[in-house]
Amino acid sequence: MIPQLILLATIGAIATAAPLDGASNVSAAQCKSFIPLYGKDLIFSFDQGASYIDLPNERSVVAAHANCFEWAKSQGYYVAVATADAGSPQGRFRCYGKNVPHYPEFKGNMKRLIAWREPDYLGPYDIPGYDIQVPRVGVYGQGMSFCDSYVEVGGEQYCKGFPKVEHSTLLLAKDCPKSQ
């Protein structure tokens, strides 16, 4: 009788400790792809606790960006910047991971809208400090298509506009698991 009670108590403890919806398991490593924003950067932003790596130049810029994104998400970053800055050794480019707020601390979703299409869900992260005002145009809210991306949190939308920087590409994680 006592071994059966111990077994039942153990099963009950495991069941209550397990997450109910899988949201607590959300991470950058689970994001399937990224969107490149050519000529954009987050200069000197979100570098606290972040890191970078020098990667070899590829024949294709798409392949180089994919390598940067794969490295960034393996380090836990939803956002990265690929740049050919002066600090890179010859034949290499620098990939910076950006330590942006994300789930579970941030309770919203990053999205992107291209005019006359459904919004693309990117992931459960934010890039604060780059909010810009944009007019709501038309019935379908096409004003958000003027944004580099936008965040939805608490029923509100916040348009993001990132600085233009030559020789840089901002890489935003896409197709990430949903937190909510």
N, C-alpha and C. Protein backbone atom coordinates (compact mmCIF):
# COMPACT_ATOMS: atom_id res chain seq x y z
N MET A 1 0.82 -1.20 0.00
CA MET A 1 0.00 0.00 0.00
C MET A 1 0.86 1.26 0.00
N ILE A 2 1.90 1.28 0.82
CA ILE A 2 2.77 2.46 0.89
C ILE A 2 3.50 2.69 -0.44
N PRO A 3 4.04 1.65 -1.12
CA PRO A 3 4.67 1.89 -2.42
C PRO A 3 3.69 2.47 -3.44
N GLN A 4 2.42 2.07 -3.39
CA GLN A 4 1.43 2.60 -4.31
C GLN A 4 1.16 4.07 -4.02
N LEU A 5 1.12 4.44 -2.76
CA LEU A 5 0.92 5.84 -2.40
C LEU A 5 2.10 6.70 -2.83
N ILE A 6 3.30 6.17 -2.68
CA ILE A 6 4.50 6.90 -3.12
C ILE A 6 4.46 7.10 -4.63
N LEU A 7 4.05 6.06 -5.36
CA LEU A 7 3.95 6.15 -6.82
C LEU A 7 2.92 7.20 -7.22
N LEU A 8 1.75 7.20 -6.57
CA LEU A 8 0.72 8.19 -6.88
C LEU A 8 1.19 9.61 -6.54
N ALA A 9 1.88 9.78 -5.44
CA ALA A 9 2.39 11.10 -5.05
C ALA A 9 3.43 11.58 -6.06
N THR A 10 4.28 10.68 -6.53
CA THR A 10 5.30 11.04 -7.51
C THR A 10 4.66 11.46 -8.83
N ILE A 11 3.67 10.70 -9.29
CA ILE A 11 2.97 11.04 -10.53
C ILE A 11 2.28 12.39 -10.39
N GLY A 12 1.65 12.65 -9.26
CA GLY A 12 0.99 13.93 -9.03
C GLY A 12 1.96 15.09 -9.04
N ALA A 13 3.13 14.90 -8.44
CA ALA A 13 4.15 15.96 -8.42
C ALA A 13 4.67 16.25 -9.81
N ILE A 14 4.89 15.21 -10.60
CA ILE A 14 5.37 15.40 -11.98
C ILE A 14 4.32 16.11 -12.81
N ALA A 15 3.06 15.73 -12.67
CA ALA A 15 1.98 16.33 -13.45
C ALA A 15 1.82 17.81 -13.13
N THR A 16 1.94 18.20 -11.87
CA THR A 16 1.77 19.61 -11.53
C THR A 16 2.99 20.44 -11.92
N ALA A 17 4.15 19.83 -12.03
CA ALA A 17 5.35 20.57 -12.42
C ALA A 17 5.46 20.76 -13.92
N ALA A 18 4.75 19.93 -14.70
CA ALA A 18 4.84 20.01 -16.16
C ALA A 18 4.08 21.23 -16.66
N PRO A 19 4.59 21.94 -17.67
CA PRO A 19 3.88 23.08 -18.23
C PRO A 19 2.59 22.62 -18.91
N LEU A 20 1.56 23.45 -18.82
CA LEU A 20 0.27 23.08 -19.37
C LEU A 20 0.17 23.33 -20.86
N ASP A 21 0.81 24.36 -21.36
CA ASP A 21 0.62 24.73 -22.76
C ASP A 21 1.89 24.73 -23.59
N GLY A 22 3.00 24.41 -23.04
CA GLY A 22 4.25 24.40 -23.80
C GLY A 22 4.86 25.78 -23.97
N ALA A 23 4.16 26.84 -23.52
CA ALA A 23 4.67 28.20 -23.72
C ALA A 23 5.98 28.44 -22.98
N SER A 24 6.16 27.75 -21.86
CA SER A 24 7.39 27.98 -21.10
C SER A 24 8.61 27.40 -21.83
N ASN A 25 8.38 26.60 -22.86
CA ASN A 25 9.47 26.01 -23.62
C ASN A 25 9.83 26.84 -24.85
N VAL A 26 9.24 28.00 -25.02
CA VAL A 26 9.50 28.85 -26.19
C VAL A 26 10.92 29.38 -26.11
N SER A 27 11.66 29.23 -27.22
CA SER A 27 13.03 29.77 -27.27
C SER A 27 13.39 30.16 -28.69
N ALA A 28 14.41 30.97 -28.83
CA ALA A 28 14.88 31.41 -30.15
C ALA A 28 15.34 30.23 -30.99
N ALA A 29 15.87 29.20 -30.35
CA ALA A 29 16.37 28.03 -31.08
C ALA A 29 15.28 27.33 -31.88
N GLN A 30 14.01 27.56 -31.52
CA GLN A 30 12.90 26.91 -32.20
C GLN A 30 12.38 27.71 -33.40
N CYS A 31 12.91 28.89 -33.64
CA CYS A 31 12.47 29.70 -34.78
C CYS A 31 12.96 29.05 -36.07
N LYS A 32 12.09 29.00 -37.07
CA LYS A 32 12.40 28.26 -38.29
C LYS A 32 13.09 29.09 -39.36
N SER A 33 12.90 30.39 -39.35
CA SER A 33 13.48 31.21 -40.41
C SER A 33 13.68 32.64 -39.91
N PHE A 34 14.01 33.53 -40.81
CA PHE A 34 14.25 34.93 -40.46
C PHE A 34 13.87 35.80 -41.64
N ILE A 35 13.70 37.09 -41.35
CA ILE A 35 13.54 38.06 -42.43
C ILE A 35 14.73 39.01 -42.38
N PRO A 36 15.33 39.29 -43.53
CA PRO A 36 16.43 40.25 -43.57
C PRO A 36 15.90 41.65 -43.85
N LEU A 37 16.36 42.62 -43.10
CA LEU A 37 16.06 44.03 -43.37
C LEU A 37 17.37 44.66 -43.81
N TYR A 38 17.56 44.72 -45.14
CA TYR A 38 18.82 45.21 -45.71
C TYR A 38 19.01 46.69 -45.41
N GLY A 39 20.24 47.06 -45.06
CA GLY A 39 20.55 48.45 -44.78
C GLY A 39 20.01 48.94 -43.44
N LYS A 40 19.71 48.02 -42.52
CA LYS A 40 19.19 48.39 -41.19
C LYS A 40 20.10 47.80 -40.12
N ASP A 41 20.14 48.45 -38.95
CA ASP A 41 21.00 48.01 -37.86
C ASP A 41 20.44 48.54 -36.54
N LEU A 42 20.85 47.95 -35.45
CA LEU A 42 20.55 48.43 -34.10
C LEU A 42 21.88 48.82 -33.47
N ILE A 43 22.46 49.89 -33.94
CA ILE A 43 23.81 50.29 -33.55
C ILE A 43 23.90 50.52 -32.05
N PHE A 44 24.81 49.81 -31.41
CA PHE A 44 25.09 49.93 -29.97
C PHE A 44 23.86 49.73 -29.09
N SER A 45 22.85 49.03 -29.60
CA SER A 45 21.65 48.73 -28.81
C SER A 45 21.56 47.24 -28.53
N PHE A 46 21.13 46.90 -27.36
CA PHE A 46 20.90 45.51 -26.94
C PHE A 46 22.18 44.68 -26.99
N ASP A 47 23.30 45.33 -26.69
CA ASP A 47 24.59 44.64 -26.68
C ASP A 47 24.95 44.09 -25.29
N GLN A 48 24.26 44.56 -24.25
CA GLN A 48 24.55 44.09 -22.89
C GLN A 48 24.24 42.60 -22.78
N GLY A 49 25.23 41.83 -22.44
CA GLY A 49 25.05 40.39 -22.33
C GLY A 49 25.02 39.68 -23.67
N ALA A 50 25.23 40.41 -24.75
CA ALA A 50 25.21 39.82 -26.09
C ALA A 50 26.63 39.51 -26.53
N SER A 51 26.76 38.92 -27.70
CA SER A 51 28.09 38.58 -28.20
C SER A 51 28.10 38.66 -29.72
N TYR A 52 29.26 38.42 -30.30
CA TYR A 52 29.38 38.40 -31.75
C TYR A 52 30.36 37.32 -32.17
N ILE A 53 30.35 37.04 -33.46
CA ILE A 53 31.28 36.07 -34.04
C ILE A 53 31.65 36.56 -35.43
N ASP A 54 32.88 36.31 -35.85
CA ASP A 54 33.30 36.59 -37.22
C ASP A 54 33.10 35.33 -38.04
N LEU A 55 32.28 35.42 -39.07
CA LEU A 55 31.97 34.27 -39.92
C LEU A 55 32.58 34.46 -41.30
N PRO A 56 32.91 33.37 -42.00
CA PRO A 56 33.49 33.51 -43.33
C PRO A 56 32.47 34.04 -44.33
N ASN A 57 32.94 34.89 -45.25
CA ASN A 57 32.07 35.36 -46.33
C ASN A 57 31.65 34.17 -47.18
N GLU A 58 30.43 34.19 -47.64
CA GLU A 58 29.89 33.14 -48.50
C GLU A 58 29.74 33.68 -49.91
N ARG A 59 29.55 32.79 -50.86
CA ARG A 59 29.32 33.22 -52.24
C ARG A 59 27.99 33.96 -52.35
N SER A 60 27.06 33.60 -51.50
CA SER A 60 25.73 34.19 -51.52
C SER A 60 25.48 34.95 -50.22
N VAL A 61 24.96 36.15 -50.34
CA VAL A 61 24.63 36.92 -49.15
C VAL A 61 23.51 36.23 -48.36
N VAL A 62 22.63 35.53 -49.07
CA VAL A 62 21.56 34.79 -48.41
C VAL A 62 22.14 33.69 -47.52
N ALA A 63 23.15 32.98 -48.02
CA ALA A 63 23.81 31.93 -47.23
C ALA A 63 24.54 32.53 -46.04
N ALA A 64 25.18 33.67 -46.23
CA ALA A 64 25.88 34.34 -45.13
C ALA A 64 24.89 34.74 -44.04
N HIS A 65 23.76 35.30 -44.44
CA HIS A 65 22.74 35.70 -43.47
C HIS A 65 22.17 34.48 -42.75
N ALA A 66 21.98 33.39 -43.48
CA ALA A 66 21.47 32.17 -42.86
C ALA A 66 22.47 31.64 -41.81
N ASN A 67 23.75 31.70 -42.10
CA ASN A 67 24.77 31.27 -41.13
C ASN A 67 24.74 32.15 -39.88
N CYS A 68 24.60 33.45 -40.09
CA CYS A 68 24.53 34.39 -38.97
C CYS A 68 23.30 34.10 -38.11
N PHE A 69 22.16 33.92 -38.76
CA PHE A 69 20.93 33.64 -38.03
C PHE A 69 21.03 32.32 -37.25
N GLU A 70 21.58 31.29 -37.87
CA GLU A 70 21.72 30.00 -37.18
C GLU A 70 22.61 30.13 -35.95
N TRP A 71 23.71 30.88 -36.08
CA TRP A 71 24.58 31.10 -34.93
C TRP A 71 23.82 31.86 -33.84
N ALA A 72 23.12 32.94 -34.24
CA ALA A 72 22.42 33.77 -33.26
C ALA A 72 21.37 32.97 -32.50
N LYS A 73 20.56 32.22 -33.21
CA LYS A 73 19.51 31.47 -32.49
C LYS A 73 20.11 30.36 -31.63
N SER A 74 21.25 29.81 -32.03
CA SER A 74 21.90 28.79 -31.18
C SER A 74 22.42 29.40 -29.88
N GLN A 75 22.63 30.73 -29.88
CA GLN A 75 23.08 31.44 -28.69
C GLN A 75 21.91 32.02 -27.89
N GLY A 76 20.67 31.84 -28.40
CA GLY A 76 19.48 32.31 -27.70
C GLY A 76 19.00 33.69 -28.13
N TYR A 77 19.47 34.20 -29.27
CA TYR A 77 19.07 35.53 -29.75
C TYR A 77 17.99 35.43 -30.82
N TYR A 78 16.95 36.26 -30.68
CA TYR A 78 15.91 36.36 -31.70
C TYR A 78 16.30 37.34 -32.80
N VAL A 79 17.26 38.20 -32.52
CA VAL A 79 17.65 39.25 -33.45
C VAL A 79 19.16 39.25 -33.61
N ALA A 80 19.61 39.45 -34.85
CA ALA A 80 21.05 39.53 -35.13
C ALA A 80 21.29 40.61 -36.18
N VAL A 81 22.53 41.05 -36.28
CA VAL A 81 22.94 41.99 -37.32
C VAL A 81 24.16 41.41 -38.01
N ALA A 82 24.08 41.30 -39.33
CA ALA A 82 25.23 40.88 -40.14
C ALA A 82 25.81 42.15 -40.75
N THR A 83 27.11 42.37 -40.55
CA THR A 83 27.71 43.60 -41.04
C THR A 83 29.15 43.38 -41.49
N ALA A 84 29.54 44.15 -42.47
CA ALA A 84 30.93 44.13 -42.95
C ALA A 84 31.62 45.35 -42.36
N ASP A 85 31.69 45.41 -41.03
CA ASP A 85 32.28 46.58 -40.39
C ASP A 85 33.80 46.46 -40.33
N ALA A 86 34.43 47.54 -39.92
CA ALA A 86 35.90 47.62 -39.92
C ALA A 86 36.55 46.63 -38.96
N GLY A 87 35.81 46.13 -37.98
CA GLY A 87 36.39 45.20 -37.02
C GLY A 87 36.51 43.77 -37.53
N SER A 88 35.92 43.48 -38.68
CA SER A 88 35.96 42.12 -39.21
C SER A 88 37.30 41.82 -39.88
N PRO A 89 37.86 40.64 -39.65
CA PRO A 89 39.08 40.25 -40.37
C PRO A 89 38.80 40.10 -41.87
N GLN A 90 39.85 40.15 -42.67
CA GLN A 90 39.74 40.01 -44.12
C GLN A 90 39.02 38.71 -44.48
N GLY A 91 38.06 38.79 -45.40
CA GLY A 91 37.34 37.60 -45.86
C GLY A 91 36.26 37.12 -44.92
N ARG A 92 35.93 37.93 -43.93
CA ARG A 92 34.92 37.54 -42.95
C ARG A 92 33.95 38.71 -42.73
N PHE A 93 32.80 38.40 -42.17
CA PHE A 93 31.86 39.44 -41.76
C PHE A 93 31.51 39.19 -40.31
N ARG A 94 31.02 40.21 -39.66
CA ARG A 94 30.71 40.11 -38.24
C ARG A 94 29.21 39.91 -38.06
N CYS A 95 28.88 38.98 -37.18
CA CYS A 95 27.49 38.68 -36.83
C CYS A 95 27.30 39.00 -35.36
N TYR A 96 26.46 39.98 -35.08
CA TYR A 96 26.18 40.40 -33.70
C TYR A 96 24.84 39.82 -33.25
N GLY A 97 24.82 39.15 -32.12
CA GLY A 97 23.56 38.77 -31.49
C GLY A 97 23.05 39.97 -30.71
N LYS A 98 21.76 40.19 -30.76
CA LYS A 98 21.15 41.32 -30.04
C LYS A 98 20.24 40.78 -28.94
N ASN A 99 20.52 41.20 -27.72
CA ASN A 99 19.83 40.70 -26.54
C ASN A 99 18.55 41.50 -26.29
N VAL A 100 17.52 41.24 -27.11
CA VAL A 100 16.26 41.98 -27.01
C VAL A 100 15.31 41.30 -26.02
N PRO A 101 14.36 42.07 -25.46
CA PRO A 101 13.38 41.47 -24.55
C PRO A 101 12.55 40.41 -25.28
N HIS A 102 12.26 39.31 -24.60
CA HIS A 102 11.49 38.23 -25.21
C HIS A 102 10.71 37.50 -24.13
N TYR A 103 9.89 36.58 -24.57
CA TYR A 103 9.08 35.79 -23.65
C TYR A 103 9.99 35.00 -22.72
N PRO A 104 9.71 34.87 -21.44
CA PRO A 104 8.48 35.20 -20.73
C PRO A 104 8.41 36.62 -20.16
N GLU A 105 9.52 37.39 -20.19
CA GLU A 105 9.48 38.76 -19.66
C GLU A 105 8.58 39.65 -20.51
N PHE A 106 8.59 39.48 -21.81
CA PHE A 106 7.78 40.27 -22.73
C PHE A 106 6.56 39.45 -23.13
N LYS A 107 5.38 40.04 -22.97
CA LYS A 107 4.13 39.32 -23.23
C LYS A 107 3.43 39.84 -24.48
N GLY A 108 4.13 39.89 -25.59
CA GLY A 108 3.54 40.35 -26.84
C GLY A 108 4.13 39.57 -28.00
N ASN A 109 3.83 40.04 -29.22
CA ASN A 109 4.29 39.35 -30.42
C ASN A 109 4.79 40.34 -31.46
N MET A 110 5.95 40.05 -32.04
CA MET A 110 6.49 40.83 -33.15
C MET A 110 5.86 40.30 -34.44
N LYS A 111 5.45 41.22 -35.30
CA LYS A 111 4.84 40.86 -36.58
C LYS A 111 5.38 41.77 -37.67
N ARG A 112 5.07 41.40 -38.90
CA ARG A 112 5.44 42.25 -40.04
C ARG A 112 4.29 42.21 -41.03
N LEU A 113 4.00 43.37 -41.61
CA LEU A 113 2.91 43.47 -42.57
C LEU A 113 3.44 44.01 -43.89
N ILE A 114 3.16 43.31 -44.94
CA ILE A 114 3.41 43.80 -46.29
C ILE A 114 2.04 44.14 -46.85
N ALA A 115 1.91 45.31 -47.47
CA ALA A 115 0.61 45.83 -47.91
C ALA A 115 -0.20 44.77 -48.65
N TRP A 116 -1.47 44.70 -48.28
CA TRP A 116 -2.48 43.86 -48.90
C TRP A 116 -2.26 42.37 -48.67
N ARG A 117 -1.46 42.04 -47.66
CA ARG A 117 -1.28 40.63 -47.29
C ARG A 117 -1.61 40.48 -45.81
N GLU A 118 -1.79 39.26 -45.40
CA GLU A 118 -1.97 38.97 -43.98
C GLU A 118 -0.66 39.24 -43.25
N PRO A 119 -0.70 39.69 -42.00
CA PRO A 119 0.54 39.91 -41.25
C PRO A 119 1.31 38.61 -41.06
N ASP A 120 2.64 38.70 -41.09
CA ASP A 120 3.51 37.56 -40.78
C ASP A 120 3.81 37.60 -39.29
N TYR A 121 3.62 36.47 -38.63
CA TYR A 121 4.01 36.35 -37.23
C TYR A 121 5.50 36.07 -37.19
N LEU A 122 6.25 36.87 -36.42
CA LEU A 122 7.68 36.67 -36.30
C LEU A 122 8.01 35.89 -35.03
N GLY A 123 7.69 36.45 -33.87
CA GLY A 123 8.01 35.74 -32.64
C GLY A 123 7.64 36.52 -31.40
N PRO A 124 7.84 35.92 -30.21
CA PRO A 124 7.47 36.54 -28.94
C PRO A 124 8.59 37.43 -28.39
N TYR A 125 8.94 38.48 -29.14
CA TYR A 125 10.01 39.37 -28.71
C TYR A 125 9.70 40.80 -29.11
N ASP A 126 10.46 41.74 -28.58
CA ASP A 126 10.26 43.17 -28.84
C ASP A 126 11.62 43.82 -29.06
N ILE A 127 11.61 44.93 -29.77
CA ILE A 127 12.81 45.76 -29.92
C ILE A 127 12.40 47.17 -29.51
N PRO A 128 12.38 47.44 -28.19
CA PRO A 128 11.92 48.74 -27.70
C PRO A 128 12.87 49.87 -28.07
N GLY A 129 12.30 51.08 -28.11
CA GLY A 129 13.11 52.26 -28.39
C GLY A 129 13.08 52.68 -29.85
N TYR A 130 12.38 51.94 -30.69
CA TYR A 130 12.33 52.26 -32.12
C TYR A 130 10.90 52.47 -32.60
N ASP A 131 10.01 52.83 -31.67
CA ASP A 131 8.61 53.07 -32.03
C ASP A 131 8.50 54.36 -32.82
N ILE A 132 7.70 54.31 -33.89
CA ILE A 132 7.44 55.50 -34.70
C ILE A 132 5.94 55.63 -34.90
N GLN A 133 5.49 56.85 -35.11
CA GLN A 133 4.08 57.11 -35.38
C GLN A 133 3.80 56.80 -36.85
N VAL A 134 2.71 56.14 -37.10
CA VAL A 134 2.31 55.87 -38.47
C VAL A 134 0.79 56.01 -38.54
N PRO A 135 0.29 56.68 -39.58
CA PRO A 135 -1.16 56.84 -39.68
C PRO A 135 -1.82 55.51 -40.05
N ARG A 136 -3.00 55.29 -39.51
CA ARG A 136 -3.79 54.11 -39.90
C ARG A 136 -4.43 54.44 -41.24
N VAL A 137 -4.09 53.69 -42.26
CA VAL A 137 -4.58 53.97 -43.60
C VAL A 137 -5.55 52.88 -44.01
N GLY A 138 -6.76 53.28 -44.39
CA GLY A 138 -7.73 52.32 -44.89
C GLY A 138 -8.33 51.45 -43.80
N VAL A 139 -9.28 50.65 -44.21
CA VAL A 139 -10.02 49.78 -43.31
C VAL A 139 -9.13 48.68 -42.74
N TYR A 140 -8.16 48.23 -43.51
CA TYR A 140 -7.35 47.09 -43.11
C TYR A 140 -6.10 47.47 -42.36
N GLY A 141 -5.95 48.71 -41.96
CA GLY A 141 -4.79 49.11 -41.18
C GLY A 141 -3.49 48.98 -41.95
N GLN A 142 -3.51 49.33 -43.24
CA GLN A 142 -2.32 49.18 -44.07
C GLN A 142 -1.20 50.11 -43.66
N GLY A 143 -1.47 51.04 -42.73
CA GLY A 143 -0.41 51.91 -42.23
C GLY A 143 0.73 51.13 -41.64
N MET A 144 0.46 49.97 -41.05
CA MET A 144 1.51 49.14 -40.46
C MET A 144 2.46 48.58 -41.53
N SER A 145 2.05 48.62 -42.80
CA SER A 145 2.95 48.14 -43.86
C SER A 145 4.10 49.12 -44.09
N PHE A 146 4.01 50.32 -43.52
CA PHE A 146 5.11 51.29 -43.61
C PHE A 146 6.17 51.04 -42.54
N CYS A 147 5.91 50.11 -41.64
CA CYS A 147 6.83 49.81 -40.54
C CYS A 147 7.81 48.72 -40.97
N ASP A 148 9.00 48.74 -40.39
CA ASP A 148 9.93 47.62 -40.60
C ASP A 148 9.34 46.35 -39.97
N SER A 149 8.69 46.51 -38.84
CA SER A 149 7.94 45.46 -38.16
C SER A 149 7.05 46.18 -37.14
N TYR A 150 6.23 45.43 -36.43
CA TYR A 150 5.45 46.03 -35.36
C TYR A 150 5.20 45.01 -34.28
N VAL A 151 4.87 45.52 -33.10
CA VAL A 151 4.61 44.67 -31.94
C VAL A 151 3.15 44.81 -31.57
N GLU A 152 2.53 43.68 -31.25
CA GLU A 152 1.19 43.66 -30.68
C GLU A 152 1.31 43.23 -29.23
N VAL A 153 0.82 44.07 -28.35
CA VAL A 153 0.84 43.72 -26.92
C VAL A 153 -0.39 44.35 -26.27
N GLY A 154 -1.15 43.56 -25.55
CA GLY A 154 -2.34 44.06 -24.87
C GLY A 154 -3.35 44.68 -25.80
N GLY A 155 -3.49 44.18 -27.02
CA GLY A 155 -4.44 44.71 -27.98
C GLY A 155 -3.97 45.95 -28.72
N GLU A 156 -2.82 46.47 -28.38
CA GLU A 156 -2.26 47.66 -29.05
C GLU A 156 -1.16 47.25 -30.02
N GLN A 157 -0.96 48.10 -31.05
CA GLN A 157 0.10 47.87 -32.03
C GLN A 157 1.09 49.02 -31.98
N TYR A 158 2.38 48.69 -32.04
CA TYR A 158 3.45 49.69 -32.01
C TYR A 158 4.37 49.47 -33.20
N CYS A 159 4.40 50.47 -34.08
CA CYS A 159 5.21 50.42 -35.30
C CYS A 159 6.69 50.59 -34.97
N LYS A 160 7.54 49.81 -35.63
CA LYS A 160 8.99 49.88 -35.43
C LYS A 160 9.66 50.39 -36.71
N GLY A 161 10.55 51.36 -36.55
CA GLY A 161 11.37 51.86 -37.65
C GLY A 161 12.82 51.84 -37.22
N PHE A 162 13.65 51.07 -37.91
CA PHE A 162 15.04 50.88 -37.50
C PHE A 162 15.97 51.77 -38.32
N PRO A 163 17.10 52.19 -37.72
CA PRO A 163 18.03 53.09 -38.40
C PRO A 163 18.64 52.47 -39.66
N LYS A 164 18.83 53.34 -40.66
CA LYS A 164 19.49 52.91 -41.89
C LYS A 164 21.00 52.95 -41.68
N VAL A 165 21.66 51.86 -42.03
CA VAL A 165 23.12 51.76 -41.92
C VAL A 165 23.63 50.96 -43.12
N GLU A 166 24.46 51.60 -43.91
CA GLU A 166 25.03 50.93 -45.07
C GLU A 166 25.88 49.74 -44.61
N HIS A 167 25.89 48.68 -45.37
CA HIS A 167 26.69 47.48 -45.12
C HIS A 167 26.21 46.65 -43.94
N SER A 168 24.99 46.88 -43.47
CA SER A 168 24.44 46.07 -42.38
C SER A 168 23.10 45.49 -42.79
N THR A 169 22.77 44.35 -42.23
CA THR A 169 21.46 43.73 -42.43
C THR A 169 20.95 43.25 -41.08
N LEU A 170 19.77 43.73 -40.72
CA LEU A 170 19.11 43.32 -39.49
C LEU A 170 18.35 42.03 -39.77
N LEU A 171 18.58 41.00 -38.97
CA LEU A 171 17.93 39.70 -39.15
C LEU A 171 16.96 39.47 -38.00
N LEU A 172 15.67 39.37 -38.33
CA LEU A 172 14.63 39.16 -37.33
C LEU A 172 14.12 37.73 -37.41
N ALA A 173 14.12 37.03 -36.29
CA ALA A 173 13.61 35.66 -36.25
C ALA A 173 12.15 35.63 -36.67
N LYS A 174 11.78 34.58 -37.38
CA LYS A 174 10.42 34.42 -37.91
C LYS A 174 9.99 32.97 -37.68
N ASP A 175 8.69 32.75 -37.71
CA ASP A 175 8.13 31.41 -37.55
C ASP A 175 8.58 30.77 -36.24
N CYS A 176 8.53 31.56 -35.19
CA CYS A 176 8.88 31.07 -33.85
C CYS A 176 7.63 30.50 -33.19
N PRO A 177 7.79 29.64 -32.20
CA PRO A 177 6.62 29.16 -31.46
C PRO A 177 5.90 30.33 -30.79
N LYS A 178 4.59 30.24 -30.73
CA LYS A 178 3.81 31.30 -30.10
C LYS A 178 3.79 31.11 -28.59
N SER A 179 3.88 32.25 -27.90
CA SER A 179 3.90 32.22 -26.44
C SER A 179 2.50 32.23 -25.86
N GLN A 180 1.54 32.73 -26.61
CA GLN A 180 0.18 32.88 -26.07
C GLN A 180 -0.83 32.36 -27.05
